[in-house]
């Protein structure tokens, strides 16, 4: 009884401010946005004679870090140059293409490569996985694991003690593949975004690149490229498995 009394007395000393309680929310309601302007404050109380302090830090830095990462990826993808685009409008990359590019950089870093090449762009497409281009590759037996194995077979492993930069720069073939995607979108005269299909066919257009060689070794050919090009402006089809 004595120990129970001490425990209850200690718990009663924990003061909980009503302002910290959370109202009941409807599960179907959309989640609120991240409170970027939440000021830092302390929750203090005593327990068994000891002062406890809980500090909720400002979340501004989290939102800022996220915005910086997104901006870095967006500006890493090439935009149409003035000499290519007479009307002054630059086509935008789709969200899936941007994510594929971000995943390509990550794959290059995993393999400890100094650059993001066409092989990394190809892996990035498969890591993102939801685009029409990625589903087309998988339907034709071209998977991430096969591409990764072929990449190591073709280019070898990097030095164990080498660390890739946070954003491995593009190789010249990879840059040309991205530029090809932009050019094709401009030539089409169609509205909309540059899709992952544009990106994949840009890799295929670089005949001497690692990405092209890996695709060819896994059964991709001009006929499949022609078939895929019919849906070049489509980035996602829910019925495609």
C-alpha atoms as a PDB file:
ATOM      1  CA  UNK A   1       0.000   0.000   0.000  1.00  0.00           C
ATOM      2  CA  UNK A   2       2.861   2.359   0.802  1.00  0.00           C
ATOM      3  CA  UNK A   3       4.534   1.828  -2.604  1.00  0.00           C
ATOM      4  CA  UNK A   4       1.193   2.341  -4.378  1.00  0.00           C
ATOM      5  CA  UNK A   5       0.656   5.608  -2.514  1.00  0.00           C
ATOM      6  CA  UNK A   6       4.136   6.852  -3.475  1.00  0.00           C
ATOM      7  CA  UNK A   7       3.568   5.956  -7.135  1.00  0.00           C
ATOM      8  CA  UNK A   8       0.186   7.719  -7.284  1.00  0.00           C
ATOM      9  CA  UNK A   9       1.658  10.762  -5.571  1.00  0.00           C
ATOM     10  CA  UNK A  10       4.520  10.880  -8.073  1.00  0.00           C
ATOM     11  CA  UNK A  11       2.219  10.546 -11.071  1.00  0.00           C
ATOM     12  CA  UNK A  12      -0.062  13.281  -9.770  1.00  0.00           C
ATOM     13  CA  UNK A  13       2.941  15.603  -9.805  1.00  0.00           C
ATOM     14  CA  UNK A  14       3.174  15.329 -13.607  1.00  0.00           C
ATOM     15  CA  UNK A  15       1.289  18.351 -14.928  1.00  0.00           C
ATOM     16  CA  UNK A  16      -0.019  18.101 -18.473  1.00  0.00           C
ATOM     17  CA  UNK A  17      -1.042  21.349 -20.102  1.00  0.00           C
ATOM     18  CA  UNK A  18      -4.453  21.218 -21.822  1.00  0.00           C
ATOM     19  CA  UNK A  19      -2.904  22.980 -24.836  1.00  0.00           C
ATOM     20  CA  UNK A  20      -0.819  19.883 -25.598  1.00  0.00           C
ATOM     21  CA  UNK A  21      -3.795  17.557 -25.929  1.00  0.00           C
ATOM     22  CA  UNK A  22      -4.840  16.517 -29.420  1.00  0.00           C
ATOM     23  CA  UNK A  23      -8.488  16.735 -30.508  1.00  0.00           C
ATOM     24  CA  UNK A  24     -10.172  13.721 -31.995  1.00  0.00           C
ATOM     25  CA  UNK A  25      -9.741  13.706 -35.757  1.00  0.00           C
ATOM     26  CA  UNK A  26     -11.858  12.100 -38.399  1.00  0.00           C
ATOM     27  CA  UNK A  27      -9.709   9.345 -40.019  1.00  0.00           C
ATOM     28  CA  UNK A  28     -11.101  10.273 -43.414  1.00  0.00           C
ATOM     29  CA  UNK A  29      -9.989  13.892 -43.095  1.00  0.00           C
ATOM     30  CA  UNK A  30      -6.837  14.908 -44.885  1.00  0.00           C
ATOM     31  CA  UNK A  31      -3.672  15.212 -42.824  1.00  0.00           C
ATOM     32  CA  UNK A  32      -2.689  18.765 -41.875  1.00  0.00           C
ATOM     33  CA  UNK A  33       0.427  20.250 -43.394  1.00  0.00           C
ATOM     34  CA  UNK A  34       3.697  20.314 -41.479  1.00  0.00           C
ATOM     35  CA  UNK A  35       3.648  23.192 -38.972  1.00  0.00           C
ATOM     36  CA  UNK A  36       6.697  25.040 -40.256  1.00  0.00           C
ATOM     37  CA  UNK A  37       6.332  28.009 -37.908  1.00  0.00           C
ATOM     38  CA  UNK A  38       5.938  26.142 -34.615  1.00  0.00           C
ATOM     39  CA  UNK A  39       7.967  28.078 -32.013  1.00  0.00           C
ATOM     40  CA  UNK A  40      10.245  26.166 -29.647  1.00  0.00           C
ATOM     41  CA  UNK A  41       8.971  25.723 -26.109  1.00  0.00           C
ATOM     42  CA  UNK A  42       9.625  23.615 -23.028  1.00  0.00           C
ATOM     43  CA  UNK A  43       7.391  21.308 -21.024  1.00  0.00           C
ATOM     44  CA  UNK A  44       8.737  21.095 -17.478  1.00  0.00           C
ATOM     45  CA  UNK A  45       7.557  19.110 -14.467  1.00  0.00           C
ATOM     46  CA  UNK A  46       8.980  17.282 -11.469  1.00  0.00           C
ATOM     47  CA  UNK A  47       9.149  13.568 -10.818  1.00  0.00           C
ATOM     48  CA  UNK A  48      10.532  12.083  -7.576  1.00  0.00           C
ATOM     49  CA  UNK A  49      12.228  15.401  -6.865  1.00  0.00           C
ATOM     50  CA  UNK A  50      13.899  15.574 -10.292  1.00  0.00           C
ATOM     51  CA  UNK A  51      13.112  18.223 -12.870  1.00  0.00           C
ATOM     52  CA  UNK A  52      12.151  16.842 -16.264  1.00  0.00           C
ATOM     53  CA  UNK A  53      12.311  19.060 -19.324  1.00  0.00           C
ATOM     54  CA  UNK A  54      10.978  18.180 -22.774  1.00  0.00           C
ATOM     55  CA  UNK A  55      11.954  20.559 -25.567  1.00  0.00           C
ATOM     56  CA  UNK A  56      10.012  20.648 -28.819  1.00  0.00           C
ATOM     57  CA  UNK A  57      12.352  22.181 -31.356  1.00  0.00           C
ATOM     58  CA  UNK A  58      11.392  24.389 -34.262  1.00  0.00           C
ATOM     59  CA  UNK A  59      10.456  22.344 -37.346  1.00  0.00           C
ATOM     60  CA  UNK A  60      11.460  25.048 -39.793  1.00  0.00           C
ATOM     61  CA  UNK A  61      14.803  23.379 -40.484  1.00  0.00           C
ATOM     62  CA  UNK A  62      13.076  20.112 -41.474  1.00  0.00           C
ATOM     63  CA  UNK A  63      10.868  21.797 -44.027  1.00  0.00           C
ATOM     64  CA  UNK A  64      13.790  23.880 -45.278  1.00  0.00           C
ATOM     65  CA  UNK A  65      15.955  20.778 -45.720  1.00  0.00           C
ATOM     66  CA  UNK A  66      13.191  19.060 -47.697  1.00  0.00           C
ATOM     67  CA  UNK A  67      12.714  22.104 -49.948  1.00  0.00           C
ATOM     68  CA  UNK A  68      16.475  22.304 -50.575  1.00  0.00           C
ATOM     69  CA  UNK A  69      16.653  18.632 -51.606  1.00  0.00           C
ATOM     70  CA  UNK A  70      13.741  18.992 -53.998  1.00  0.00           C
ATOM     71  CA  UNK A  71      15.175  22.175 -55.498  1.00  0.00           C
ATOM     72  CA  UNK A  72      18.545  20.471 -56.026  1.00  0.00           C
ATOM     73  CA  UNK A  73      16.927  17.635 -57.955  1.00  0.00           C
ATOM     74  CA  UNK A  74      14.774  19.982 -60.016  1.00  0.00           C
ATOM     75  CA  UNK A  75      17.707  22.131 -61.063  1.00  0.00           C
ATOM     76  CA  UNK A  76      19.870  19.079 -61.801  1.00  0.00           C
ATOM     77  CA  UNK A  77      17.661  18.074 -64.700  1.00  0.00           C
ATOM     78  CA  UNK A  78      18.427  20.031 -67.863  1.00  0.00           C
ATOM     79  CA  UNK A  79      15.925  22.491 -69.254  1.00  0.00           C
ATOM     80  CA  UNK A  80      15.516  23.455 -72.880  1.00  0.00           C
ATOM     81  CA  UNK A  81      18.170  25.870 -74.095  1.00  0.00           C
ATOM     82  CA  UNK A  82      17.163  29.064 -75.914  1.00  0.00           C
ATOM     83  CA  UNK A  83      18.688  27.930 -79.208  1.00  0.00           C
ATOM     84  CA  UNK A  84      16.508  24.815 -79.113  1.00  0.00           C
ATOM     85  CA  UNK A  85      13.260  26.461 -78.157  1.00  0.00           C
ATOM     86  CA  UNK A  86      11.921  29.240 -80.397  1.00  0.00           C
ATOM     87  CA  UNK A  87       8.804  30.027 -78.337  1.00  0.00           C
ATOM     88  CA  UNK A  88      10.748  30.475 -75.115  1.00  0.00           C
ATOM     89  CA  UNK A  89       8.784  27.832 -73.179  1.00  0.00           C
ATOM     90  CA  UNK A  90      10.663  25.032 -71.466  1.00  0.00           C
ATOM     91  CA  UNK A  91       8.862  21.711 -70.991  1.00  0.00           C
ATOM     92  CA  UNK A  92       8.768  20.415 -67.449  1.00  0.00           C
ATOM     93  CA  UNK A  93       9.772  16.994 -66.232  1.00  0.00           C
ATOM     94  CA  UNK A  94       7.084  14.792 -64.728  1.00  0.00           C
ATOM     95  CA  UNK A  95       7.169  13.962 -61.022  1.00  0.00           C
ATOM     96  CA  UNK A  96       8.059  10.354 -61.845  1.00  0.00           C
ATOM     97  CA  UNK A  97      10.936  11.454 -64.082  1.00  0.00           C
ATOM     98  CA  UNK A  98      12.280  13.711 -61.328  1.00  0.00           C
ATOM     99  CA  UNK A  99      12.070  10.889 -58.794  1.00  0.00           C
ATOM    100  CA  UNK A 100      13.738   8.488 -61.254  1.00  0.00           C
ATOM    101  CA  UNK A 101      16.612  10.947 -61.600  1.00  0.00           C
ATOM    102  CA  UNK A 102      16.939  11.281 -57.821  1.00  0.00           C
ATOM    103  CA  UNK A 103      16.989   7.489 -57.481  1.00  0.00           C
ATOM    104  CA  UNK A 104      19.645   7.310 -60.216  1.00  0.00           C
ATOM    105  CA  UNK A 105      21.951   9.520 -58.163  1.00  0.00           C
ATOM    106  CA  UNK A 106      21.334   7.289 -55.159  1.00  0.00           C
ATOM    107  CA  UNK A 107      22.136   4.132 -57.137  1.00  0.00           C
ATOM    108  CA  UNK A 108      25.393   5.681 -58.352  1.00  0.00           C
ATOM    109  CA  UNK A 109      26.298   6.438 -54.739  1.00  0.00           C
ATOM    110  CA  UNK A 110      25.413   2.901 -53.622  1.00  0.00           C
ATOM    111  CA  UNK A 111      27.854   1.520 -56.188  1.00  0.00           C
ATOM    112  CA  UNK A 112      30.364   4.225 -55.167  1.00  0.00           C
ATOM    113  CA  UNK A 113      30.639   5.521 -58.714  1.00  0.00           C
ATOM    114  CA  UNK A 114      32.019   9.057 -59.211  1.00  0.00           C
ATOM    115  CA  UNK A 115      29.368   9.932 -61.805  1.00  0.00           C
ATOM    116  CA  UNK A 116      25.715   9.354 -62.630  1.00  0.00           C
ATOM    117  CA  UNK A 117      25.796   7.508 -65.941  1.00  0.00           C
ATOM    118  CA  UNK A 118      23.154   6.062 -68.250  1.00  0.00           C
ATOM    119  CA  UNK A 119      23.335   2.803 -66.308  1.00  0.00           C
ATOM    120  CA  UNK A 120      22.398   4.696 -63.125  1.00  0.00           C
ATOM    121  CA  UNK A 121      19.556   6.483 -64.948  1.00  0.00           C
ATOM    122  CA  UNK A 122      18.266   3.072 -66.002  1.00  0.00           C
ATOM    123  CA  UNK A 123      18.408   1.780 -62.433  1.00  0.00           C
ATOM    124  CA  UNK A 124      16.692   4.929 -61.213  1.00  0.00           C
ATOM    125  CA  UNK A 125      13.764   4.272 -63.554  1.00  0.00           C
ATOM    126  CA  UNK A 126      13.383   0.767 -62.139  1.00  0.00           C
ATOM    127  CA  UNK A 127      13.748   1.889 -58.517  1.00  0.00           C
ATOM    128  CA  UNK A 128      10.972   4.458 -58.972  1.00  0.00           C
ATOM    129  CA  UNK A 129       9.018   1.616 -60.508  1.00  0.00           C
ATOM    130  CA  UNK A 130       5.550   3.091 -61.075  1.00  0.00           C
ATOM    131  CA  UNK A 131       5.990   4.647 -64.525  1.00  0.00           C
ATOM    132  CA  UNK A 132       4.828   3.101 -67.777  1.00  0.00           C
ATOM    133  CA  UNK A 133       8.466   2.772 -68.860  1.00  0.00           C
ATOM    134  CA  UNK A 134       9.437   0.874 -65.691  1.00  0.00           C
ATOM    135  CA  UNK A 135       6.474  -1.466 -66.026  1.00  0.00           C
ATOM    136  CA  UNK A 136       7.310  -2.061 -69.687  1.00  0.00           C
ATOM    137  CA  UNK A 137      10.863  -3.023 -68.754  1.00  0.00           C
ATOM    138  CA  UNK A 138       9.713  -5.451 -66.071  1.00  0.00           C
ATOM    139  CA  UNK A 139       7.132  -6.978 -68.427  1.00  0.00           C
ATOM    140  CA  UNK A 140      10.050  -7.734 -70.753  1.00  0.00           C
ATOM    141  CA  UNK A 141      12.138  -9.338 -68.024  1.00  0.00           C
ATOM    142  CA  UNK A 142      14.382  -6.348 -67.329  1.00  0.00           C
ATOM    143  CA  UNK A 143      14.563  -5.944 -63.554  1.00  0.00           C
ATOM    144  CA  UNK A 144      16.603  -3.801 -61.195  1.00  0.00           C
ATOM    145  CA  UNK A 145      18.652  -6.756 -59.958  1.00  0.00           C
ATOM    146  CA  UNK A 146      19.560  -7.807 -63.507  1.00  0.00           C
ATOM    147  CA  UNK A 147      20.530  -4.257 -64.461  1.00  0.00           C
ATOM    148  CA  UNK A 148      22.626  -3.867 -61.316  1.00  0.00           C
ATOM    149  CA  UNK A 149      24.439  -7.152 -61.985  1.00  0.00           C
ATOM    150  CA  UNK A 150      25.078  -6.202 -65.618  1.00  0.00           C
ATOM    151  CA  UNK A 151      26.360  -2.808 -64.496  1.00  0.00           C
ATOM    152  CA  UNK A 152      28.937  -4.367 -62.168  1.00  0.00           C
ATOM    153  CA  UNK A 153      29.926  -6.878 -64.867  1.00  0.00           C
ATOM    154  CA  UNK A 154      30.389  -4.103 -67.421  1.00  0.00           C
ATOM    155  CA  UNK A 155      31.894  -1.307 -65.325  1.00  0.00           C
ATOM    156  CA  UNK A 156      33.277  -3.212 -62.365  1.00  0.00           C
ATOM    157  CA  UNK A 157      33.177  -2.304 -58.687  1.00  0.00           C
ATOM    158  CA  UNK A 158      34.431   0.975 -57.328  1.00  0.00           C
ATOM    159  CA  UNK A 159      37.195   1.325 -54.779  1.00  0.00           C
ATOM    160  CA  UNK A 160      35.975   0.128 -51.373  1.00  0.00           C
ATOM    161  CA  UNK A 161      37.271   3.305 -49.711  1.00  0.00           C
ATOM    162  CA  UNK A 162      35.925   5.726 -52.318  1.00  0.00           C
ATOM    163  CA  UNK A 163      32.878   7.806 -51.411  1.00  0.00           C
ATOM    164  CA  UNK A 164      30.700   9.310 -54.122  1.00  0.00           C
ATOM    165  CA  UNK A 165      29.703  12.960 -53.912  1.00  0.00           C
ATOM    166  CA  UNK A 166      26.206  13.725 -52.659  1.00  0.00           C
ATOM    167  CA  UNK A 167      25.114  14.467 -56.227  1.00  0.00           C
ATOM    168  CA  UNK A 168      27.411  12.537 -58.593  1.00  0.00           C
ATOM    169  CA  UNK A 169      27.737  14.649 -61.774  1.00  0.00           C
ATOM    170  CA  UNK A 170      26.286  13.336 -65.003  1.00  0.00           C
ATOM    171  CA  UNK A 171      28.511  11.632 -67.518  1.00  0.00           C
ATOM    172  CA  UNK A 172      28.444  13.072 -71.038  1.00  0.00           C
ATOM    173  CA  UNK A 173      26.277  10.208 -72.410  1.00  0.00           C
ATOM    174  CA  UNK A 174      23.829  10.638 -69.504  1.00  0.00           C
ATOM    175  CA  UNK A 175      23.608  14.387 -70.149  1.00  0.00           C
ATOM    176  CA  UNK A 176      22.993  13.748 -73.851  1.00  0.00           C
ATOM    177  CA  UNK A 177      20.274  11.229 -72.965  1.00  0.00           C
ATOM    178  CA  UNK A 178      18.486  13.857 -70.883  1.00  0.00           C
ATOM    179  CA  UNK A 179      18.951  16.463 -73.617  1.00  0.00           C
ATOM    180  CA  UNK A 180      17.523  13.995 -76.159  1.00  0.00           C
ATOM    181  CA  UNK A 181      14.411  13.635 -73.996  1.00  0.00           C
ATOM    182  CA  UNK A 182      13.980  17.416 -73.899  1.00  0.00           C
ATOM    183  CA  UNK A 183      14.519  17.713 -77.657  1.00  0.00           C
ATOM    184  CA  UNK A 184      11.981  15.003 -78.452  1.00  0.00           C
ATOM    185  CA  UNK A 185       9.370  16.709 -76.328  1.00  0.00           C
ATOM    186  CA  UNK A 186       9.994  20.010 -78.097  1.00  0.00           C
ATOM    187  CA  UNK A 187       9.894  18.399 -81.548  1.00  0.00           C
ATOM    188  CA  UNK A 188       6.568  16.715 -80.816  1.00  0.00           C
ATOM    189  CA  UNK A 189       4.863  20.044 -80.271  1.00  0.00           C
ATOM    190  CA  UNK A 190       2.631  18.336 -77.723  1.00  0.00           C
ATOM    191  CA  UNK A 191       1.656  19.877 -74.424  1.00  0.00           C
ATOM    192  CA  UNK A 192       2.416  18.097 -71.181  1.00  0.00           C
ATOM    193  CA  UNK A 193       5.534  16.945 -69.389  1.00  0.00           C
ATOM    194  CA  UNK A 194       8.707  15.104 -70.276  1.00  0.00           C
ATOM    195  CA  UNK A 195       8.019  11.557 -69.109  1.00  0.00           C
ATOM    196  CA  UNK A 196      10.100   8.641 -67.885  1.00  0.00           C
ATOM    197  CA  UNK A 197       9.536   7.085 -71.322  1.00  0.00           C
ATOM    198  CA  UNK A 198      11.366  10.034 -72.873  1.00  0.00           C
ATOM    199  CA  UNK A 199      14.176   9.400 -70.411  1.00  0.00           C
ATOM    200  CA  UNK A 200      14.369   5.667 -71.170  1.00  0.00           C
ATOM    201  CA  UNK A 201      14.399   6.214 -74.922  1.00  0.00           C
ATOM    202  CA  UNK A 202      17.043   8.892 -74.399  1.00  0.00           C
ATOM    203  CA  UNK A 203      19.238   6.245 -72.769  1.00  0.00           C
ATOM    204  CA  UNK A 204      18.577   3.916 -75.718  1.00  0.00           C
ATOM    205  CA  UNK A 205      19.571   6.665 -78.161  1.00  0.00           C
ATOM    206  CA  UNK A 206      23.116   6.660 -76.737  1.00  0.00           C
ATOM    207  CA  UNK A 207      24.387   3.634 -78.658  1.00  0.00           C
ATOM    208  CA  UNK A 208      27.823   3.463 -77.030  1.00  0.00           C
ATOM    209  CA  UNK A 209      26.653   4.118 -73.492  1.00  0.00           C
ATOM    210  CA  UNK A 210      26.626   1.590 -70.659  1.00  0.00           C
ATOM    211  CA  UNK A 211      22.857   1.953 -70.324  1.00  0.00           C
ATOM    212  CA  UNK A 212      22.262   1.063 -73.967  1.00  0.00           C
ATOM    213  CA  UNK A 213      24.602  -1.926 -73.787  1.00  0.00           C
ATOM    214  CA  UNK A 214      22.924  -3.215 -70.635  1.00  0.00           C
ATOM    215  CA  UNK A 215      19.455  -2.854 -72.157  1.00  0.00           C
ATOM    216  CA  UNK A 216      20.585  -4.689 -75.295  1.00  0.00           C
ATOM    217  CA  UNK A 217      22.159  -7.500 -73.277  1.00  0.00           C
ATOM    218  CA  UNK A 218      18.833  -7.986 -71.470  1.00  0.00           C
ATOM    219  CA  UNK A 219      16.769  -8.227 -74.661  1.00  0.00           C
ATOM    220  CA  UNK A 220      15.694  -4.638 -75.304  1.00  0.00           C
ATOM    221  CA  UNK A 221      15.895  -3.711 -78.989  1.00  0.00           C
ATOM    222  CA  UNK A 222      14.730  -1.198 -81.586  1.00  0.00           C
ATOM    223  CA  UNK A 223      11.379  -2.959 -81.973  1.00  0.00           C
ATOM    224  CA  UNK A 224      10.651  -2.627 -78.273  1.00  0.00           C
ATOM    225  CA  UNK A 225      11.812   0.979 -78.378  1.00  0.00           C
ATOM    226  CA  UNK A 226       9.428   1.629 -81.273  1.00  0.00           C
ATOM    227  CA  UNK A 227       6.580  -0.008 -79.378  1.00  0.00           C
ATOM    228  CA  UNK A 228       7.287   2.049 -76.283  1.00  0.00           C
ATOM    229  CA  UNK A 229       7.589   5.282 -78.267  1.00  0.00           C
ATOM    230  CA  UNK A 230       3.882   5.047 -79.161  1.00  0.00           C
ATOM    231  CA  UNK A 231       3.150   5.953 -75.541  1.00  0.00           C
ATOM    232  CA  UNK A 232       5.956   8.463 -75.137  1.00  0.00           C
ATOM    233  CA  UNK A 233       3.742  11.160 -73.624  1.00  0.00           C
ATOM    234  CA  UNK A 234       2.102   8.756 -71.162  1.00  0.00           C
ATOM    235  CA  UNK A 235       3.813   8.397 -67.818  1.00  0.00           C
ATOM    236  CA  UNK A 236       1.388   6.116 -66.029  1.00  0.00           C
ATOM    237  CA  UNK A 237      -1.251   3.532 -66.947  1.00  0.00           C
ATOM    238  CA  UNK A 238      -2.990   1.862 -64.023  1.00  0.00           C
ATOM    239  CA  UNK A 239      -3.962  -1.252 -66.009  1.00  0.00           C
ATOM    240  CA  UNK A 240      -0.386  -1.953 -67.148  1.00  0.00           C
ATOM    241  CA  UNK A 241       1.223  -4.690 -65.026  1.00  0.00           C
END
